[in-house]
C-alpha atoms as a PDB file:
ATOM      1  CA  MET A   1       4.557  61.502  -6.911  1.00  0.00           C
ATOM      2  CA  ASN A   2       1.358  59.476  -6.402  1.00  0.00           C
ATOM      3  CA  GLN A   3       0.659  57.040  -3.637  1.00  0.00           C
ATOM      4  CA  TYR A   4      -1.530  54.070  -3.928  1.00  0.00           C
ATOM      5  CA  CYS A   5      -2.902  51.330  -1.375  1.00  0.00           C
ATOM      6  CA  LEU A   6      -4.239  48.121  -2.761  1.00  0.00           C
ATOM      7  CA  VAL A   7      -5.611  44.972  -1.058  1.00  0.00           C
ATOM      8  CA  LEU A   8      -5.632  41.151  -1.763  1.00  0.00           C
ATOM      9  CA  ASP A   9      -6.488  38.037  -0.170  1.00  0.00           C
ATOM     10  CA  LEU A  10      -4.316  34.902  -0.025  1.00  0.00           C
ATOM     11  CA  LYS A  11      -5.791  31.438   0.339  1.00  0.00           C
ATOM     12  CA  ASP A  12      -6.356  30.773   3.890  1.00  0.00           C
ATOM     13  CA  ASP A  13      -3.761  28.143   4.110  1.00  0.00           C
ATOM     14  CA  PRO A  14      -0.932  28.625   6.578  1.00  0.00           C
ATOM     15  CA  GLU A  15       1.386  26.550   4.330  1.00  0.00           C
ATOM     16  CA  LEU A  16       0.484  28.570   1.278  1.00  0.00           C
ATOM     17  CA  ILE A  17       0.939  31.917   3.063  1.00  0.00           C
ATOM     18  CA  ALA A  18       4.080  30.894   4.451  1.00  0.00           C
ATOM     19  CA  ALA A  19       5.398  29.826   0.791  1.00  0.00           C
ATOM     20  CA  TYR A  20       3.919  33.344  -0.645  1.00  0.00           C
ATOM     21  CA  ILE A  21       6.034  35.288   2.059  1.00  0.00           C
ATOM     22  CA  ALA A  22       9.246  33.029   1.183  1.00  0.00           C
ATOM     23  CA  HIS A  23       8.796  34.122  -2.424  1.00  0.00           C
ATOM     24  CA  HIS A  24       8.805  37.671  -1.610  1.00  0.00           C
ATOM     25  CA  GLN A  25      11.802  37.475   0.505  1.00  0.00           C
ATOM     26  CA  LYS A  26      13.561  36.593  -2.943  1.00  0.00           C
ATOM     27  CA  VAL A  27      11.568  38.379  -5.720  1.00  0.00           C
ATOM     28  CA  TRP A  28      13.073  37.526  -9.192  1.00  0.00           C
ATOM     29  CA  PRO A  29      15.447  40.294 -10.377  1.00  0.00           C
ATOM     30  CA  GLU A  30      13.198  40.614 -13.682  1.00  0.00           C
ATOM     31  CA  VAL A  31      10.188  41.282 -11.704  1.00  0.00           C
ATOM     32  CA  LEU A  32      11.980  44.098  -9.677  1.00  0.00           C
ATOM     33  CA  VAL A  33      13.485  45.648 -12.796  1.00  0.00           C
ATOM     34  CA  SER A  34       9.998  45.710 -14.550  1.00  0.00           C
ATOM     35  CA  ILE A  35       8.381  47.178 -11.356  1.00  0.00           C
ATOM     36  CA  LYS A  36      10.994  50.075 -11.373  1.00  0.00           C
ATOM     37  CA  ALA A  37      10.695  50.596 -15.102  1.00  0.00           C
ATOM     38  CA  SER A  38       7.047  51.200 -14.865  1.00  0.00           C
ATOM     39  CA  GLY A  39       7.579  54.169 -12.769  1.00  0.00           C
ATOM     40  CA  ILE A  40       7.001  52.602  -9.214  1.00  0.00           C
ATOM     41  CA  ILE A  41       9.501  54.178  -6.953  1.00  0.00           C
ATOM     42  CA  THR A  42       8.721  52.300  -3.686  1.00  0.00           C
ATOM     43  CA  MET A  43       6.432  49.415  -2.871  1.00  0.00           C
ATOM     44  CA  ASP A  44       5.640  47.704   0.583  1.00  0.00           C
ATOM     45  CA  ILE A  45       3.558  44.761   1.105  1.00  0.00           C
ATOM     46  CA  TYR A  46       2.050  43.989   4.595  1.00  0.00           C
ATOM     47  CA  HIS A  47       0.045  41.033   5.625  1.00  0.00           C
ATOM     48  CA  PHE A  48      -2.375  40.054   8.438  1.00  0.00           C
ATOM     49  CA  GLY A  49      -3.581  36.516   8.343  1.00  0.00           C
ATOM     50  CA  ASN A  50      -4.571  35.990   4.715  1.00  0.00           C
ATOM     51  CA  ARG A  51      -5.073  39.600   3.900  1.00  0.00           C
ATOM     52  CA  LEU A  52      -2.323  41.709   2.157  1.00  0.00           C
ATOM     53  CA  CYS A  53      -1.920  45.517   1.643  1.00  0.00           C
ATOM     54  CA  MET A  54       0.502  46.983  -0.751  1.00  0.00           C
ATOM     55  CA  PHE A  55       1.725  50.629  -0.631  1.00  0.00           C
ATOM     56  CA  ILE A  56       2.929  52.088  -3.934  1.00  0.00           C
ATOM     57  CA  ASN A  57       4.664  55.420  -4.359  1.00  0.00           C
ATOM     58  CA  ALA A  58       5.052  56.182  -8.237  1.00  0.00           C
ATOM     59  CA  ASP A  59       6.120  58.961 -10.348  1.00  0.00           C
ATOM     60  CA  ASP A  60       3.687  61.095 -11.990  1.00  0.00           C
ATOM     61  CA  ASP A  61       3.944  59.190 -15.440  1.00  0.00           C
ATOM     62  CA  PHE A  62       2.806  55.959 -13.678  1.00  0.00           C
ATOM     63  CA  SER A  63      -0.533  54.267 -14.540  1.00  0.00           C
ATOM     64  CA  PHE A  64      -1.898  50.708 -13.753  1.00  0.00           C
ATOM     65  CA  GLU A  65      -2.883  50.228 -17.479  1.00  0.00           C
ATOM     66  CA  LYS A  66       0.779  50.944 -18.658  1.00  0.00           C
ATOM     67  CA  LYS A  67       2.051  48.603 -15.935  1.00  0.00           C
ATOM     68  CA  ALA A  68      -0.395  45.817 -17.146  1.00  0.00           C
ATOM     69  CA  GLN A  69       0.720  46.366 -20.710  1.00  0.00           C
ATOM     70  CA  MET A  70       4.217  45.994 -19.651  1.00  0.00           C
ATOM     71  CA  ASP A  71       3.445  42.902 -17.624  1.00  0.00           C
ATOM     72  CA  GLU A  72       1.835  41.240 -20.376  1.00  0.00           C
ATOM     73  CA  ALA A  73       4.688  41.748 -22.753  1.00  0.00           C
ATOM     74  CA  ASN A  74       7.281  40.428 -20.142  1.00  0.00           C
ATOM     75  CA  PRO A  75       7.155  36.443 -20.137  1.00  0.00           C
ATOM     76  CA  LYS A  76       9.195  36.474 -16.857  1.00  0.00           C
ATOM     77  CA  VAL A  77       6.717  38.802 -15.107  1.00  0.00           C
ATOM     78  CA  GLU A  78       3.884  36.631 -16.526  1.00  0.00           C
ATOM     79  CA  GLU A  79       5.669  33.674 -15.140  1.00  0.00           C
ATOM     80  CA  TRP A  80       5.799  35.281 -11.730  1.00  0.00           C
ATOM     81  CA  GLU A  81       2.272  36.368 -11.857  1.00  0.00           C
ATOM     82  CA  THR A  82       1.113  32.783 -12.721  1.00  0.00           C
ATOM     83  CA  LEU A  83       3.375  31.289  -9.874  1.00  0.00           C
ATOM     84  CA  MET A  84       1.572  33.810  -7.353  1.00  0.00           C
ATOM     85  CA  LEU A  85      -1.792  32.843  -8.592  1.00  0.00           C
ATOM     86  CA  GLN A  86      -1.886  29.721  -6.617  1.00  0.00           C
ATOM     87  CA  TYR A  87      -1.519  31.478  -3.552  1.00  0.00           C
ATOM     88  CA  GLN A  88      -3.909  34.349  -4.028  1.00  0.00           C
ATOM     89  CA  GLN A  89      -7.811  34.702  -4.110  1.00  0.00           C
ATOM     90  CA  ARG A  90      -9.884  37.492  -5.093  1.00  0.00           C
ATOM     91  CA  ILE A  91     -11.033  39.904  -2.315  1.00  0.00           C
ATOM     92  CA  PRO A  92     -14.824  39.930  -1.844  1.00  0.00           C
ATOM     93  CA  GLY A  93     -16.120  42.730  -4.226  1.00  0.00           C
ATOM     94  CA  ALA A  94     -13.153  42.775  -6.644  1.00  0.00           C
ATOM     95  CA  GLY A  95     -14.522  43.153 -10.064  1.00  0.00           C
ATOM     96  CA  ASN A  96     -13.609  42.463 -13.606  1.00  0.00           C
ATOM     97  CA  GLY A  97     -11.125  39.649 -12.646  1.00  0.00           C
ATOM     98  CA  ALA A  98      -9.008  42.103 -10.500  1.00  0.00           C
ATOM     99  CA  LYS A  99      -6.745  40.577  -8.027  1.00  0.00           C
ATOM    100  CA  TRP A 100      -5.199  43.461  -6.301  1.00  0.00           C
ATOM    101  CA  VAL A 101      -8.166  45.832  -5.524  1.00  0.00           C
ATOM    102  CA  LEU A 102      -7.315  49.709  -5.188  1.00  0.00           C
ATOM    103  CA  MET A 103      -8.262  51.323  -2.042  1.00  0.00           C
ATOM    104  CA  GLU A 104      -9.897  54.621  -1.589  1.00  0.00           C
ATOM    105  CA  LYS A 105      -8.108  57.026   0.694  1.00  0.00           C
ATOM    106  CA  ILE A 106     -10.654  58.665   3.011  1.00  0.00           C
ATOM    107  CA  PHE A 107      -8.311  60.196   5.582  1.00  0.00           C
ATOM    108  CA  GLU A 108      -4.874  61.792   5.764  1.00  0.00           C
ATOM    109  CA  LEU A 109      -3.110  63.339   8.884  1.00  0.00           C
ATOM    110  CA  THR A 110      -0.796  66.133   7.660  1.00  0.00           C
END
């Protein structure tokens, strides 16, 4: 199993942040099916202010490239992503049009 940590900023507007959180209390079933079908086993999103942090545990066959291809081929996932875009803003330093930015692990307590 592989673990990933990603970050993203929301637009710094309390009403938009509240709406984003509300959407994530009732994620569309088609989106959940797509996430699991990509090889993601667990996904948690935390927030502080307008900053989000996502933790993913995925099987060994998971790749972000494969997930992106699956998303592009799924109209309902694309609809969800378009809806979420109104709340999100790119984090400083994000390149190539990336929304969620993969963090580099620098420490692990075992």
